Protein backbone atom coordinates (compact mmCIF):
# COMPACT_ATOMS: atom_id res chain seq x y z
CA UNK A 1 94.79 122.55 82.69
CA UNK A 2 97.49 120.04 81.71
CA UNK A 3 98.11 116.80 83.65
CA UNK A 4 101.47 118.17 84.87
CA UNK A 5 99.80 121.32 86.24
CA UNK A 6 97.15 119.25 88.00
CA UNK A 7 99.76 116.92 89.52
CA UNK A 8 101.97 119.81 90.72
CA UNK A 9 98.94 121.48 92.32
CA UNK A 10 97.96 118.22 94.01
CA UNK A 11 101.54 117.82 95.20
CA UNK A 12 101.47 121.19 96.97
CA UNK A 13 98.02 120.42 98.40
CA UNK A 14 99.11 117.00 99.73
CA UNK A 15 102.25 118.52 101.21
CA UNK A 16 100.19 121.00 103.23
CA UNK A 17 97.79 118.31 104.43
CA UNK A 18 100.69 116.01 105.31
CA UNK A 19 101.99 118.63 107.75
CA UNK A 20 98.81 118.55 109.85
CA UNK A 21 99.67 117.23 113.32
CA UNK A 22 98.68 113.59 113.98
CA UNK A 23 96.27 113.21 111.04
CA UNK A 24 98.19 114.55 108.05
CA UNK A 25 100.12 111.46 106.89
CA UNK A 26 97.13 109.14 107.36
CA UNK A 27 94.84 111.57 105.58
CA UNK A 28 97.12 111.83 102.53
CA UNK A 29 97.46 108.03 102.39
CA UNK A 30 93.70 107.55 102.74
CA UNK A 31 92.84 110.09 100.07
CA UNK A 32 95.29 108.47 97.68
CA UNK A 33 93.89 104.98 98.37
CA UNK A 34 90.46 106.34 97.52
CA UNK A 35 91.81 107.97 94.33
CA UNK A 36 93.33 104.59 93.37
CA UNK A 37 89.99 102.86 93.88
CA UNK A 38 88.13 105.51 91.88
CA UNK A 39 90.76 105.52 89.13
CA UNK A 40 90.63 101.74 88.75
CA UNK A 41 86.92 101.88 87.94
CA UNK A 42 87.15 105.02 85.80
CA UNK A 43 86.58 104.92 82.06
CA UNK A 44 90.31 105.46 81.56
CA UNK A 45 91.53 102.35 83.40
CA UNK A 46 88.30 100.36 82.95
CA UNK A 47 88.73 98.20 86.04
CA UNK A 48 90.78 95.44 84.49
CA UNK A 49 93.21 93.08 86.20
CA UNK A 50 96.12 91.91 84.05
CA UNK A 51 97.41 88.36 84.14
CA UNK A 52 100.76 88.82 82.42
CA UNK A 53 103.58 91.32 82.49
CA UNK A 54 103.21 91.94 78.74
CA UNK A 55 99.53 92.88 79.04
CA UNK A 56 100.14 95.00 82.14
CA UNK A 57 103.10 96.78 80.52
CA UNK A 58 101.04 97.65 77.45
CA UNK A 59 98.32 99.18 79.62
CA UNK A 60 100.86 100.94 81.85
CA UNK A 61 102.45 102.60 78.81
CA UNK A 62 99.02 103.71 77.59
CA UNK A 63 98.30 105.38 80.95
CA UNK A 64 101.74 107.03 81.06
CA UNK A 65 101.17 108.45 77.57
CA UNK A 66 97.81 109.91 78.59
CA UNK A 67 99.30 111.58 81.67
CA UNK A 68 102.54 112.58 79.90
CA UNK A 69 104.67 111.56 82.86
CA UNK A 70 108.50 111.62 82.57
CA UNK A 71 108.76 107.84 82.87
CA UNK A 72 111.16 105.58 80.98
CA UNK A 73 111.18 101.81 81.04
CA UNK A 74 114.72 100.65 81.70
CA UNK A 75 115.96 98.89 78.55
CA UNK A 76 116.73 95.24 79.16
CA UNK A 77 114.92 95.16 82.52
CA UNK A 78 112.06 92.96 81.33
CA UNK A 79 111.75 89.52 82.86
CA UNK A 80 108.76 87.15 82.76
CA UNK A 81 107.27 88.88 85.81
CA UNK A 82 108.85 92.33 86.03
CA UNK A 83 110.06 95.51 84.39
CA UNK A 84 111.89 98.47 85.90
CA UNK A 85 111.33 102.12 85.26
CA UNK A 86 112.94 105.45 85.95
CA UNK A 87 111.03 108.60 86.74
CA UNK A 88 113.28 111.56 85.95
CA UNK A 89 111.07 114.16 87.64
CA UNK A 90 108.41 113.71 90.28
CA UNK A 91 104.96 114.47 88.83
CA UNK A 92 104.01 115.96 92.21
CA UNK A 93 107.14 118.12 92.33
CA UNK A 94 108.78 116.39 95.31
CA UNK A 95 112.56 116.75 95.22
CA UNK A 96 113.73 117.72 98.70
CA UNK A 97 114.62 115.40 101.60
CA UNK A 98 111.88 116.95 103.77
CA UNK A 99 109.33 115.77 101.17
CA UNK A 100 110.18 112.06 101.49
CA UNK A 101 107.25 111.31 103.80
CA UNK A 102 104.64 113.01 101.64
CA UNK A 103 106.19 111.36 98.57
CA UNK A 104 105.71 107.94 100.12
CA UNK A 105 102.15 108.80 101.22
CA UNK A 106 101.11 109.96 97.74
CA UNK A 107 102.58 106.78 96.25
CA UNK A 108 99.65 104.97 97.93
CA UNK A 109 97.69 105.94 94.82
CA UNK A 110 100.14 104.10 92.56
CA UNK A 111 100.45 101.13 94.89
CA UNK A 112 96.68 100.85 95.13
CA UNK A 113 95.91 101.36 91.45
CA UNK A 114 98.60 99.06 90.12
CA UNK A 115 97.81 96.53 92.84
CA UNK A 116 94.20 96.39 91.64
CA UNK A 117 95.51 96.00 88.09
CA UNK A 118 97.59 92.99 89.17
CA UNK A 119 101.04 94.45 89.79
CA UNK A 120 103.15 95.21 92.81
CA UNK A 121 104.96 98.53 92.71
CA UNK A 122 108.34 98.30 94.45
CA UNK A 123 110.10 101.61 95.06
CA UNK A 124 113.86 101.19 95.10
CA UNK A 125 115.04 104.86 95.17
CA UNK A 126 113.36 108.25 95.15
CA UNK A 127 114.43 111.76 94.25
CA UNK A 128 113.53 113.18 97.70
CA UNK A 129 115.88 110.70 99.38
CA UNK A 130 118.75 111.95 97.19
CA UNK A 131 118.60 109.87 94.00
CA UNK A 132 118.85 111.62 90.63
CA UNK A 133 115.72 109.77 89.53
CA UNK A 134 113.17 107.47 91.07
CA UNK A 135 113.79 103.78 90.43
CA UNK A 136 110.72 101.57 90.53
CA UNK A 137 110.02 97.93 89.73
CA UNK A 138 106.64 96.74 88.48
CA UNK A 139 106.11 93.08 89.32
CA UNK A 140 103.29 90.98 87.88
CA UNK A 141 102.86 87.30 88.58
CA UNK A 142 101.31 85.16 85.84
CA UNK A 143 97.84 84.18 86.99
CA UNK A 144 95.55 81.39 85.94
CA UNK A 145 92.00 80.61 86.85
CA UNK A 146 91.00 83.92 88.44
């Protein structure tokens, strides 16, 4: 099974869970926080916190290549603490306005994983809310003495 097949299957699964009355949204968020925790300590990510945007970006690009996600770093967006990216197609398959809530809930995995790695993920636009692509900023503050 390819990463894209796995992600699309998870997307449909999360969407069904999200629809459960009262518990669905919290359950999807909780599961994705757990996946972030597990992923951080996996042999793929290796549980490392990055102190600079350059180091984080290098690791981010390695992970994107493994997963084969349709992600492009916006040329010229690099600053000392940030880079922007565009996601041309949701890995989970979310593209309709009624999927905005489940999209945000599944992004808990990314927020959690990248947060543990030392970055803040800031979502500026998403495909389900009507954008042609998702626009995301990755922000890393230089750290010393941790």
